[in-house]
């Protein structure tokens, strides 16, 4: 049947089989839909025909309400770099809770976490904490606007900097209402043209060293250096959104690629996977928020220094994901990506993988991917079929093809993943080869 039916036929069968095996997840989804739009409060987790509902997680595996166990290759969209229930993180959270929550004061955890962050990421000489990467990016942009006295913000098509800072397609109507100018990623001429037109009005340029949510598209050699030079040319501040890429090696993407921004933003893995964000830069820039100085700007947030995130972050940086751990994970990710690429090539080239280190994305396009526009011809039916087949084989990745490797994934886990990926492709090789 697999050899003779079409892609659409096989996808319909896979959807039906998925639903038949997950009655409890379906019931939970239907119940949730009574109180949340589409049963959802986090859009990225939804997939058809209805999403799995996780019941528990441990190490590198999760289990859904229907009792199916999955090797989790998604890693909580990078926040779960530690796997599930890492013992050091759990001890830190339990210890913090033992001494009280919502203390209404400075606590002993925040200066220690600040020290670890500053030592880990050289571009951040001073740091302030937030509750999410979205907040961190909003504060970094606000800092640039306050410092320069300018209003405009340069972004890149396909960039994602949080729930209200998304620039796929034409952007979102719920985006924060800054005056944006948009350049093309990996296109130096486009950057220069925007600077020529708007340079004297630009407060900042915010960029991901690798586009994450748009498909793990890395900056090409020399592109970030060009953006750095153009920011200097017009007097704008350069912000590196490292919510995802801060896991790249010992010191994050700015160190890996050898380009130093003015401000860096971080996200939840740095807070042990809890609700967390951070922004930081030079002493001079961050002095804007020094409350001991006259005319300092306020930066409020009840949970900026919450004891759970602070304590978990200390454990994350000092025990669960040290610089050495980050270096090892980066190398393992590069090796895994090469293995995936080899499997795809052997099965006819319908799919390809992009990414850097432990973050990668599977795409159903044949041509090279340089920027998000190159994904316009993606065969989404083929991607969904592979996603459902992997779930059936006990492998969990994102519906969009995103993979975020965790330290909990063992070598045996990665062997299992690549073997089952190979099997899934082999089972439908005929239909995939005739897809394009």
Protein backbone atom coordinates (compact mmCIF):
# COMPACT_ATOMS: atom_id res chain seq x y z
CA UNK A 1 0.00 0.00 0.00
CA UNK A 2 2.86 2.40 0.84
CA UNK A 3 4.42 1.92 -2.59
CA UNK A 4 1.25 2.60 -4.57
CA UNK A 5 -0.62 5.28 -2.63
CA UNK A 6 -0.01 9.02 -2.95
CA UNK A 7 1.54 11.32 -0.38
CA UNK A 8 -1.87 12.71 0.52
CA UNK A 9 -3.27 9.18 0.97
CA UNK A 10 -0.42 8.17 3.22
CA UNK A 11 -0.70 11.37 5.25
CA UNK A 12 -4.43 10.80 5.78
CA UNK A 13 -3.72 7.26 6.95
CA UNK A 14 -0.98 8.47 9.30
CA UNK A 15 -3.28 11.08 10.83
CA UNK A 16 -6.00 8.50 11.38
CA UNK A 17 -3.55 6.06 12.97
CA UNK A 18 -2.18 8.81 15.21
CA UNK A 19 -5.66 9.71 16.45
CA UNK A 20 -6.71 6.11 17.01
CA UNK A 21 -3.74 5.49 19.31
CA UNK A 22 -4.30 8.59 21.49
CA UNK A 23 -7.87 8.74 22.82
CA UNK A 24 -6.83 10.28 26.14
CA UNK A 25 -4.86 13.06 24.45
CA UNK A 26 -7.87 13.74 22.22
CA UNK A 27 -10.21 13.90 25.22
CA UNK A 28 -7.84 16.27 27.03
CA UNK A 29 -7.61 18.46 23.94
CA UNK A 30 -11.39 18.62 23.59
CA UNK A 31 -11.81 19.46 27.29
CA UNK A 32 -9.16 22.18 27.07
CA UNK A 33 -10.93 23.69 24.07
CA UNK A 34 -13.87 24.54 26.32
CA UNK A 35 -11.72 27.07 28.18
CA UNK A 36 -8.81 27.99 25.90
CA UNK A 37 -9.00 28.94 22.21
CA UNK A 38 -8.23 25.75 20.32
CA UNK A 39 -7.29 24.13 23.63
CA UNK A 40 -4.05 26.07 23.45
CA UNK A 41 -2.10 28.70 25.37
CA UNK A 42 1.23 28.25 23.56
CA UNK A 43 0.85 28.28 19.79
CA UNK A 44 4.10 26.54 18.87
CA UNK A 45 3.03 23.32 20.63
CA UNK A 46 -0.09 22.80 18.54
CA UNK A 47 -0.02 20.29 15.72
CA UNK A 48 -2.73 18.41 13.87
CA UNK A 49 -4.88 16.45 14.10
CA UNK A 50 -4.52 17.31 17.82
CA UNK A 51 -1.39 17.64 19.97
CA UNK A 52 0.04 15.01 22.27
CA UNK A 53 -0.49 15.73 25.97
CA UNK A 54 2.56 15.02 28.08
CA UNK A 55 2.02 13.33 31.43
CA UNK A 56 5.62 13.14 32.68
CA UNK A 57 9.26 13.43 31.70
CA UNK A 58 12.52 12.03 32.97
CA UNK A 59 16.01 12.28 31.52
CA UNK A 60 15.69 12.23 27.74
CA UNK A 61 12.17 10.78 27.54
CA UNK A 62 8.59 11.95 27.97
CA UNK A 63 5.39 9.96 28.31
CA UNK A 64 1.98 11.09 27.05
CA UNK A 65 -1.44 10.59 28.62
CA UNK A 66 -1.95 7.46 26.53
CA UNK A 67 1.19 5.80 27.85
CA UNK A 68 3.37 6.30 24.75
CA UNK A 69 7.02 7.03 25.53
CA UNK A 70 9.14 9.26 23.30
CA UNK A 71 12.80 10.10 23.03
CA UNK A 72 12.56 13.88 23.37
CA UNK A 73 14.69 15.50 20.68
CA UNK A 74 12.87 18.82 21.01
CA UNK A 75 14.43 19.96 24.28
CA UNK A 76 11.65 22.43 25.19
CA UNK A 77 12.61 24.57 22.19
CA UNK A 78 16.12 25.09 23.73
CA UNK A 79 15.01 25.85 27.31
CA UNK A 80 15.34 22.15 28.22
CA UNK A 81 19.03 21.73 27.49
CA UNK A 82 19.32 19.72 30.74
CA UNK A 83 16.70 17.11 29.88
CA UNK A 84 13.88 16.46 32.32
CA UNK A 85 14.30 16.72 36.09
CA UNK A 86 18.07 17.19 36.13
CA UNK A 87 19.11 16.37 39.71
CA UNK A 88 21.20 19.53 40.18
CA UNK A 89 18.33 21.74 39.01
CA UNK A 90 15.85 19.86 41.20
CA UNK A 91 18.07 20.21 44.26
CA UNK A 92 18.47 23.93 43.64
CA UNK A 93 14.73 24.51 43.30
CA UNK A 94 13.92 22.45 46.38
CA UNK A 95 16.58 24.28 48.39
CA UNK A 96 15.25 27.67 47.35
CA UNK A 97 11.67 26.74 48.22
CA UNK A 98 12.76 25.54 51.64
CA UNK A 99 13.70 29.13 52.51
CA UNK A 100 10.57 30.86 51.29
CA UNK A 101 9.08 32.24 48.07
CA UNK A 102 8.36 35.90 47.19
CA UNK A 103 10.75 37.36 49.75
CA UNK A 104 10.04 41.02 48.88
CA UNK A 105 13.75 41.85 49.03
CA UNK A 106 17.11 41.33 47.42
CA UNK A 107 18.27 37.77 48.00
CA UNK A 108 21.54 35.90 48.04
CA UNK A 109 21.01 34.10 44.76
CA UNK A 110 20.87 37.02 42.32
CA UNK A 111 24.46 38.33 42.70
CA UNK A 112 25.85 34.82 42.32
CA UNK A 113 23.86 34.17 39.17
CA UNK A 114 24.89 37.59 37.81
CA UNK A 115 28.55 36.71 38.41
CA UNK A 116 28.19 33.40 36.57
CA UNK A 117 26.42 35.04 33.63
CA UNK A 118 29.00 37.82 33.28
CA UNK A 119 31.87 35.34 33.47
CA UNK A 120 30.23 33.08 30.88
CA UNK A 121 29.33 35.74 28.29
CA UNK A 122 32.14 38.27 27.78
CA UNK A 123 30.01 40.90 26.01
CA UNK A 124 27.93 41.27 29.18
CA UNK A 125 29.89 43.25 31.75
CA UNK A 126 26.74 44.05 33.70
CA UNK A 127 23.41 42.21 33.55
CA UNK A 128 19.78 42.63 34.55
CA UNK A 129 17.26 39.82 34.83
CA UNK A 130 13.77 39.55 33.34
CA UNK A 131 11.07 36.87 33.17
CA UNK A 132 11.46 35.81 29.54
CA UNK A 133 13.47 36.27 26.39
CA UNK A 134 10.69 38.47 25.03
CA UNK A 135 11.08 40.84 27.98
CA UNK A 136 14.86 40.78 27.63
CA UNK A 137 14.64 41.82 23.97
CA UNK A 138 12.07 44.51 24.71
CA UNK A 139 14.35 45.93 27.40
CA UNK A 140 17.42 45.79 25.15
CA UNK A 141 15.58 47.72 22.45
CA UNK A 142 14.31 50.22 25.01
CA UNK A 143 17.86 50.64 26.32
CA UNK A 144 19.12 51.40 22.83
CA UNK A 145 16.37 53.93 22.21
CA UNK A 146 17.02 55.65 25.55
CA UNK A 147 20.78 55.70 24.99
CA UNK A 148 20.81 56.96 21.41
CA UNK A 149 17.74 59.20 21.51
CA UNK A 150 16.64 57.59 18.26
CA UNK A 151 13.47 55.64 17.55
CA UNK A 152 13.83 53.15 14.70
CA UNK A 153 14.72 49.48 15.08
CA UNK A 154 16.30 47.40 12.34
CA UNK A 155 15.13 43.79 12.25
CA UNK A 156 15.54 40.94 9.77
CA UNK A 157 12.89 39.17 7.78
CA UNK A 158 12.28 35.86 9.52
CA UNK A 159 13.61 37.10 12.86
CA UNK A 160 11.92 36.00 16.06
CA UNK A 161 12.64 37.88 19.26
CA UNK A 162 9.59 36.87 21.29
CA UNK A 163 5.83 36.83 21.32
CA UNK A 164 5.49 40.47 20.19
CA UNK A 165 8.65 40.68 18.09
CA UNK A 166 8.14 38.27 15.20
CA UNK A 167 9.06 39.22 11.63
CA UNK A 168 8.14 36.22 9.51
CA UNK A 169 6.33 37.29 6.36
CA UNK A 170 4.97 40.78 6.98
CA UNK A 171 5.25 40.54 10.76
CA UNK A 172 2.36 40.23 13.18
CA UNK A 173 -0.40 42.71 14.02
CA UNK A 174 0.33 42.08 17.72
CA UNK A 175 3.99 43.11 17.41
CA UNK A 176 5.22 45.81 19.78
CA UNK A 177 4.63 49.13 18.01
CA UNK A 178 8.22 50.24 17.45
CA UNK A 179 9.04 51.86 14.09
CA UNK A 180 10.76 48.96 12.33
CA UNK A 181 12.87 48.82 9.20
CA UNK A 182 13.43 45.36 7.75
CA UNK A 183 16.53 43.95 6.06
CA UNK A 184 17.18 40.57 4.45
CA UNK A 185 19.16 38.02 6.43
CA UNK A 186 22.50 36.96 4.94
CA UNK A 187 22.29 39.84 2.48
CA UNK A 188 25.01 42.44 3.18
CA UNK A 189 23.80 44.72 0.39
CA UNK A 190 20.33 44.84 1.93
CA UNK A 191 21.79 45.84 5.30
CA UNK A 192 23.86 48.60 3.76
CA UNK A 193 20.90 49.90 1.78
CA UNK A 194 18.75 50.15 4.92
CA UNK A 195 21.57 51.92 6.75
CA UNK A 196 21.98 54.37 3.86
CA UNK A 197 18.30 55.26 4.06
CA UNK A 198 17.61 55.14 7.79
CA UNK A 199 20.99 55.16 9.54
CA UNK A 200 20.67 58.50 11.31
CA UNK A 201 17.31 57.40 12.76
CA UNK A 202 18.33 53.91 13.90
CA UNK A 203 18.58 53.23 17.62
CA UNK A 204 19.62 49.61 17.18
CA UNK A 205 19.95 46.55 15.03
CA UNK A 206 18.64 43.36 16.64
CA UNK A 207 19.68 40.05 15.10
CA UNK A 208 19.86 36.35 15.86
CA UNK A 209 23.32 34.93 15.04
CA UNK A 210 21.31 32.01 13.69
CA UNK A 211 17.66 32.45 12.75
CA UNK A 212 16.02 29.99 15.14
CA UNK A 213 12.26 29.88 14.73
CA UNK A 214 12.54 30.48 10.99
CA UNK A 215 14.40 27.23 10.50
CA UNK A 216 17.87 27.26 12.08
CA UNK A 217 19.45 29.32 9.29
CA UNK A 218 22.97 30.35 10.33
CA UNK A 219 24.57 33.66 9.51
CA UNK A 220 27.03 33.17 6.67
CA UNK A 221 30.73 33.87 7.10
CA UNK A 222 31.31 37.60 7.37
CA UNK A 223 27.64 38.58 7.62
CA UNK A 224 27.61 39.35 11.34
CA UNK A 225 30.87 41.27 10.99
CA UNK A 226 29.27 43.32 8.21
CA UNK A 227 26.26 44.08 10.41
CA UNK A 228 28.64 45.09 13.21
CA UNK A 229 30.49 47.47 10.90
CA UNK A 230 27.27 49.00 9.57
CA UNK A 231 25.96 49.55 13.09
CA UNK A 232 29.18 51.39 13.91
CA UNK A 233 28.92 53.41 10.71
CA UNK A 234 25.52 54.86 11.65
CA UNK A 235 25.92 54.94 15.44
CA UNK A 236 23.27 52.32 16.19
CA UNK A 237 23.67 49.75 18.94
CA UNK A 238 24.00 46.12 17.90
CA UNK A 239 21.90 43.63 19.89
CA UNK A 240 22.54 39.91 19.64
CA UNK A 241 19.46 37.91 20.56
CA UNK A 242 21.14 34.85 22.09
CA UNK A 243 18.07 33.38 23.74
CA UNK A 244 18.75 30.28 21.63
CA UNK A 245 22.37 30.61 20.50
CA UNK A 246 23.90 31.21 23.94
CA UNK A 247 24.28 27.42 24.13
CA UNK A 248 26.78 27.48 21.23
CA UNK A 249 30.02 26.37 22.83
CA UNK A 250 31.52 27.74 26.05
CA UNK A 251 30.60 31.42 25.56
CA UNK A 252 27.73 31.62 23.10
CA UNK A 253 27.47 32.66 19.48
CA UNK A 254 29.17 36.04 19.78
CA UNK A 255 32.35 34.33 20.93
CA UNK A 256 31.95 31.45 18.48
CA UNK A 257 31.58 33.80 15.51
CA UNK A 258 34.06 36.40 16.80
CA UNK A 259 31.72 39.40 16.69
CA UNK A 260 31.04 41.48 19.81
CA UNK A 261 27.63 43.18 20.10
CA UNK A 262 26.75 46.12 22.33
CA UNK A 263 23.96 44.24 24.09
CA UNK A 264 23.18 40.54 24.51
CA UNK A 265 19.91 38.92 25.49
CA UNK A 266 19.51 35.49 27.08
CA UNK A 267 16.60 33.16 27.79
CA UNK A 268 15.29 30.36 29.88
CA UNK A 269 18.04 27.75 29.88
CA UNK A 270 20.26 30.25 31.72
CA UNK A 271 17.61 30.25 34.46
CA UNK A 272 17.67 26.47 34.70
CA UNK A 273 14.71 26.16 32.34
CA UNK A 274 12.50 28.30 34.57
CA UNK A 275 10.78 31.57 33.63
CA UNK A 276 13.83 33.72 32.96
CA UNK A 277 15.49 36.22 30.67
CA UNK A 278 18.43 38.60 30.87
CA UNK A 279 19.93 41.54 29.01
CA UNK A 280 23.35 43.03 29.46
CA UNK A 281 26.24 44.93 27.95
CA UNK A 282 29.00 47.32 28.89
CA UNK A 283 29.29 49.07 32.26
CA UNK A 284 28.49 52.37 30.58
CA UNK A 285 25.31 51.15 28.87
CA UNK A 286 23.95 49.30 31.87
CA UNK A 287 24.65 52.25 34.19
CA UNK A 288 21.41 53.62 32.81
CA UNK A 289 19.65 51.37 35.35
CA UNK A 290 21.90 52.00 38.35
CA UNK A 291 19.50 53.18 41.09
CA UNK A 292 22.35 54.81 43.02
CA UNK A 293 22.80 57.33 40.19
CA UNK A 294 20.68 60.43 39.56
CA UNK A 295 18.14 60.16 36.76
CA UNK A 296 18.48 56.36 36.56
CA UNK A 297 15.73 54.63 34.61
CA UNK A 298 13.51 52.15 36.46
CA UNK A 299 13.29 48.53 35.42
CA UNK A 300 10.50 46.84 37.37
CA UNK A 301 9.46 43.21 37.56
CA UNK A 302 8.18 41.37 40.62
CA UNK A 303 9.81 38.12 39.53
CA UNK A 304 13.04 39.50 38.04
CA UNK A 305 14.93 38.05 41.01
CA UNK A 306 12.56 35.24 41.99
CA UNK A 307 14.34 32.63 44.07
CA UNK A 308 13.35 29.66 41.90
CA UNK A 309 14.87 31.01 38.67
CA UNK A 310 17.89 32.49 40.45
CA UNK A 311 18.75 29.27 42.27
CA UNK A 312 18.06 27.07 39.24
CA UNK A 313 20.22 29.36 37.10
CA UNK A 314 23.15 29.00 39.47
CA UNK A 315 22.87 25.23 39.26
CA UNK A 316 22.52 25.41 35.47
CA UNK A 317 25.70 27.41 34.87
CA UNK A 318 27.84 25.84 37.59
CA UNK A 319 26.72 22.18 37.47
CA UNK A 320 24.22 21.10 34.84
CA UNK A 321 25.58 22.95 31.78
CA UNK A 322 29.07 24.23 32.39
CA UNK A 323 31.24 25.72 29.66
CA UNK A 324 32.80 22.30 29.15
CA UNK A 325 29.36 20.71 28.86
CA UNK A 326 28.37 23.33 26.29
CA UNK A 327 31.48 22.63 24.23
CA UNK A 328 30.80 18.88 24.26
CA UNK A 329 27.13 19.32 23.35
CA UNK A 330 28.03 21.62 20.49
CA UNK A 331 30.39 19.02 19.03
CA UNK A 332 27.82 16.24 19.48
CA UNK A 333 25.24 18.35 17.69
CA UNK A 334 27.54 18.97 14.75
CA UNK A 335 28.16 15.22 14.48
CA UNK A 336 24.44 14.43 14.69
CA UNK A 337 23.60 16.96 11.99
CA UNK A 338 26.18 15.35 9.69
CA UNK A 339 24.61 11.92 10.32
CA UNK A 340 21.13 13.25 9.53
CA UNK A 341 22.38 14.88 6.32
CA UNK A 342 23.94 11.59 5.24
CA UNK A 343 20.68 9.72 5.84
CA UNK A 344 18.71 12.28 3.83
CA UNK A 345 21.16 12.10 0.95
CA UNK A 346 20.94 8.31 0.87
CA UNK A 347 17.14 8.47 0.60
CA UNK A 348 16.93 10.79 -2.34
CA UNK A 349 17.27 14.34 -1.11
CA UNK A 350 13.63 15.22 -0.36
CA UNK A 351 14.78 16.50 3.05
CA UNK A 352 17.76 18.48 4.28
CA UNK A 353 18.98 19.72 7.65
CA UNK A 354 20.29 23.15 8.64
CA UNK A 355 21.64 24.50 11.89
CA UNK A 356 24.64 25.02 14.13
CA UNK A 357 25.80 22.76 16.92
CA UNK A 358 23.00 21.31 19.03
CA UNK A 359 20.20 23.22 17.24
CA UNK A 360 18.99 22.03 13.85
CA UNK A 361 15.93 21.93 11.63
CA UNK A 362 14.66 19.42 9.07
CA UNK A 363 13.31 20.96 5.86
CA UNK A 364 11.43 19.47 2.91
CA UNK A 365 13.15 21.51 0.21
CA UNK A 366 15.89 20.54 -2.20
CA UNK A 367 17.61 23.85 -2.96
CA UNK A 368 20.16 25.52 -0.65
CA UNK A 369 18.69 27.51 2.25
CA UNK A 370 20.30 30.91 2.76
CA UNK A 371 17.38 32.91 4.15
CA UNK A 372 13.74 32.28 5.12
CA UNK A 373 12.46 33.12 1.65
CA UNK A 374 14.16 29.94 0.40
CA UNK A 375 11.63 27.88 2.38
CA UNK A 376 8.66 29.12 0.34
CA UNK A 377 8.51 25.85 -1.60
CA UNK A 378 8.61 23.58 1.45
CA UNK A 379 6.56 20.42 1.08
CA UNK A 380 4.61 20.66 4.32
CA UNK A 381 2.71 17.43 3.69
CA UNK A 382 5.99 15.51 3.52
CA UNK A 383 7.22 17.20 6.72
CA UNK A 384 4.01 16.35 8.57
CA UNK A 385 4.16 12.74 7.42
CA UNK A 386 7.72 12.38 8.65
CA UNK A 387 6.78 14.05 11.94
CA UNK A 388 3.88 11.62 12.50
CA UNK A 389 6.01 8.63 11.52
CA UNK A 390 8.69 9.67 14.00
CA UNK A 391 6.07 10.00 16.75
CA UNK A 392 4.84 6.53 15.90
CA UNK A 393 8.45 5.34 16.19
CA UNK A 394 8.80 6.95 19.63
CA UNK A 395 10.70 10.08 18.56
CA UNK A 396 9.50 13.58 19.44
CA UNK A 397 10.66 16.58 17.42
CA UNK A 398 8.80 19.79 16.57
CA UNK A 399 6.16 19.63 13.85
CA UNK A 400 8.16 22.26 11.98
CA UNK A 401 11.22 19.97 12.05
CA UNK A 402 13.10 21.68 14.86
CA UNK A 403 15.51 19.66 17.02
CA UNK A 404 17.25 20.89 20.19
CA UNK A 405 19.70 18.39 21.62
CA UNK A 406 19.93 18.04 25.40
CA UNK A 407 22.75 16.81 27.61
CA UNK A 408 20.42 14.03 28.77
CA UNK A 409 20.45 12.40 25.31
CA UNK A 410 23.02 9.60 25.37
CA UNK A 411 25.00 8.21 22.47
CA UNK A 412 22.59 5.26 22.45
CA UNK A 413 19.71 7.74 22.23
CA UNK A 414 21.25 9.40 19.19
CA UNK A 415 21.85 6.01 17.58
CA UNK A 416 18.19 5.18 18.21
CA UNK A 417 17.08 8.46 16.70
CA UNK A 418 19.14 8.13 13.51
CA UNK A 419 18.18 4.47 13.08
CA UNK A 420 14.47 5.20 13.39
CA UNK A 421 14.74 8.23 11.13
CA UNK A 422 16.38 5.98 8.55
CA UNK A 423 13.61 3.40 8.96
CA UNK A 424 10.86 5.99 8.57
CA UNK A 425 12.35 7.29 5.35
CA UNK A 426 12.94 3.79 3.98
CA UNK A 427 9.31 2.81 4.62
CA UNK A 428 8.06 5.66 2.42
CA UNK A 429 10.99 6.13 0.10
CA UNK A 430 8.93 5.72 -3.06
CA UNK A 431 6.43 8.44 -2.21
CA UNK A 432 9.13 10.82 -0.95
CA UNK A 433 11.21 10.36 -4.11
CA UNK A 434 8.22 11.26 -6.28
CA UNK A 435 7.19 14.22 -4.13
CA UNK A 436 9.30 16.82 -5.90
